[in-house]
Amino acid sequence: MRSYSILGAVILLGACSGPGSLPVALTASPSSSPPDAIACVKAKLDTLGYSPTSFDQTDLLLTARRVDNSIHRADPQYRRNIDRLEVHATPGADGKTSLTITGRTFAEYETHRGPTEQEERASANARQTAQALVDACGRS
């Protein structure tokens, strides 16, 4: 009887733990001002194959996406992967700029309700792009 309760606890723990950290989040403190840091990121995104989807000039929040059609799966409803970046530049209390870059990957499926996205672990491309942006625009 005791072994069944331990087995049940292990299964419950595994089911509740989830897939872990899905997005990748990197933070940097560039020596430039927040608007200059966002301008640097905007300039680099085009060369990395990302297209901006929104830009909030007041909060200095930029989102961009890149469609990856090179991934194929056996699921007939699967269409493609979409890598998304969220970039936020804020002035810190100490006068330094804080640049936060979050990379996410979504799998797009075609269902009876239309295109449906499901978040997955950040792809290697999303991770590399986030790191490249930190290296290019986030160093002092």
Protein backbone atom coordinates (compact mmCIF):
# COMPACT_ATOMS: atom_id res chain seq x y z
CA MET A 1 0.00 0.00 0.00
CA ARG A 2 2.83 2.36 0.82
CA SER A 3 4.52 1.89 -2.57
CA TYR A 4 1.31 2.91 -4.37
CA SER A 5 1.13 6.22 -2.51
CA ILE A 6 4.77 7.00 -3.30
CA LEU A 7 4.23 6.12 -6.95
CA GLY A 8 1.13 8.33 -7.04
CA ALA A 9 3.07 11.22 -5.51
CA VAL A 10 5.85 10.87 -8.09
CA ILE A 11 3.36 10.84 -10.97
CA LEU A 12 1.52 13.87 -9.57
CA LEU A 13 4.78 15.77 -9.13
CA GLY A 14 5.79 15.01 -12.71
CA ALA A 15 2.43 16.10 -14.08
CA CYS A 16 2.38 19.38 -12.16
CA SER A 17 5.94 20.43 -12.83
CA GLY A 18 5.22 21.49 -16.43
CA PRO A 19 7.69 21.85 -19.29
CA GLY A 20 9.99 24.23 -17.43
CA SER A 21 11.08 27.61 -18.63
CA LEU A 22 9.72 28.21 -22.13
CA PRO A 23 11.06 31.68 -23.02
CA VAL A 24 14.62 32.88 -22.77
CA ALA A 25 15.06 36.23 -20.99
CA LEU A 26 18.31 38.18 -21.12
CA THR A 27 19.06 41.46 -19.38
CA ALA A 28 21.81 43.99 -20.04
CA SER A 29 22.82 47.46 -18.86
CA PRO A 30 24.00 49.48 -21.85
CA SER A 31 25.70 52.83 -21.34
CA SER A 32 23.35 54.47 -23.87
CA SER A 33 19.96 55.99 -23.08
CA PRO A 34 16.80 53.85 -23.36
CA PRO A 35 15.71 55.42 -26.70
CA ASP A 36 19.20 54.84 -28.14
CA ALA A 37 19.18 51.21 -26.96
CA ILE A 38 15.80 50.59 -28.64
CA ALA A 39 17.05 52.31 -31.81
CA CYS A 40 20.06 49.99 -31.83
CA VAL A 41 17.81 46.93 -31.45
CA LYS A 42 15.49 48.14 -34.22
CA ALA A 43 18.46 48.54 -36.56
CA LYS A 44 19.81 45.05 -35.80
CA LEU A 45 16.47 43.19 -36.05
CA ASP A 46 16.17 43.69 -39.81
CA THR A 47 19.62 42.21 -40.44
CA LEU A 48 18.69 39.18 -38.29
CA GLY A 49 15.54 38.43 -40.33
CA TYR A 50 12.94 39.71 -37.86
CA SER A 51 10.14 42.10 -38.75
CA PRO A 52 8.76 44.49 -36.11
CA THR A 53 5.15 43.85 -35.16
CA SER A 54 4.62 46.66 -32.63
CA PHE A 55 6.47 49.53 -31.04
CA ASP A 56 5.37 51.52 -28.00
CA GLN A 57 7.35 54.75 -28.05
CA THR A 58 6.14 55.82 -24.59
CA ASP A 59 7.13 52.62 -22.75
CA LEU A 60 9.97 51.77 -25.17
CA LEU A 61 8.60 48.30 -25.82
CA LEU A 62 9.31 46.61 -29.16
CA THR A 63 8.02 43.27 -30.42
CA ALA A 64 9.19 41.47 -33.55
CA ARG A 65 8.66 38.11 -35.20
CA ARG A 66 10.34 35.74 -37.61
CA VAL A 67 8.50 32.95 -39.41
CA ASP A 68 10.48 29.69 -39.64
CA ASN A 69 9.15 27.43 -42.41
CA SER A 70 12.17 25.11 -42.30
CA ILE A 71 10.80 22.99 -39.43
CA HIS A 72 8.65 20.00 -40.45
CA ARG A 73 6.61 17.67 -38.25
CA ALA A 74 4.52 14.57 -38.83
CA ASP A 75 1.40 16.33 -37.50
CA PRO A 76 -0.81 17.30 -40.48
CA GLN A 77 -2.21 20.29 -38.55
CA TYR A 78 1.27 21.78 -37.95
CA ARG A 79 2.08 24.74 -40.21
CA ARG A 80 5.27 26.47 -39.00
CA ASN A 81 7.22 27.90 -36.09
CA ILE A 82 7.15 31.57 -35.20
CA ASP A 83 9.97 33.13 -33.17
CA ARG A 84 9.00 36.27 -31.27
CA LEU A 85 11.15 38.81 -29.46
CA GLU A 86 10.03 41.32 -26.85
CA VAL A 87 12.50 44.11 -26.12
CA HIS A 88 11.97 46.56 -23.27
CA ALA A 89 14.32 49.41 -22.39
CA THR A 90 13.80 51.24 -19.11
CA PRO A 91 15.79 53.80 -17.15
CA GLY A 92 16.99 52.32 -13.87
CA ALA A 93 16.86 54.01 -10.48
CA ASP A 94 20.64 54.33 -10.54
CA GLY A 95 20.55 56.22 -13.85
CA LYS A 96 21.60 53.24 -15.97
CA THR A 97 19.51 51.77 -18.75
CA SER A 98 18.03 48.30 -18.33
CA LEU A 99 17.53 46.37 -21.57
CA THR A 100 15.44 43.19 -21.33
CA ILE A 101 15.11 40.85 -24.31
CA THR A 102 12.70 37.92 -24.16
CA GLY A 103 12.73 35.29 -26.91
CA ARG A 104 9.77 32.96 -27.42
CA THR A 105 8.83 30.28 -29.94
CA PHE A 106 5.32 29.32 -30.96
CA ALA A 107 4.20 26.37 -33.07
CA GLU A 108 1.35 27.33 -35.37
CA TYR A 109 -1.33 24.74 -36.07
CA GLU A 110 -4.26 24.89 -38.49
CA THR A 111 -7.31 23.69 -36.60
CA HIS A 112 -11.04 23.80 -37.31
CA ARG A 113 -11.07 27.16 -35.46
CA GLY A 114 -8.33 28.59 -37.66
CA PRO A 115 -4.65 29.20 -36.91
CA THR A 116 -3.79 28.29 -33.32
CA GLU A 117 -0.47 29.00 -31.62
CA GLN A 118 1.06 26.91 -28.87
CA GLU A 119 4.09 28.18 -26.99
CA GLU A 120 7.11 25.91 -26.97
CA ARG A 121 10.61 26.05 -25.58
CA ALA A 122 12.54 28.92 -27.18
CA SER A 123 14.24 27.73 -30.35
CA ALA A 124 17.97 27.90 -30.92
CA ASN A 125 17.40 30.77 -33.35
CA ALA A 126 15.41 32.78 -30.79
CA ARG A 127 18.13 32.20 -28.18
CA GLN A 128 20.94 33.14 -30.57
CA THR A 129 19.14 36.27 -31.74
CA ALA A 130 18.46 37.42 -28.18
CA GLN A 131 22.12 36.89 -27.31
CA ALA A 132 23.25 38.70 -30.49
CA LEU A 133 21.08 41.70 -29.59
CA VAL A 134 22.49 41.78 -26.06
CA ASP A 135 26.03 41.58 -27.45
CA ALA A 136 25.39 44.34 -30.02
CA CYS A 137 23.24 46.76 -28.04
CA GLY A 138 23.56 45.84 -24.38
CA ARG A 139 27.22 46.26 -23.64
CA SER A 140 28.56 49.24 -21.76
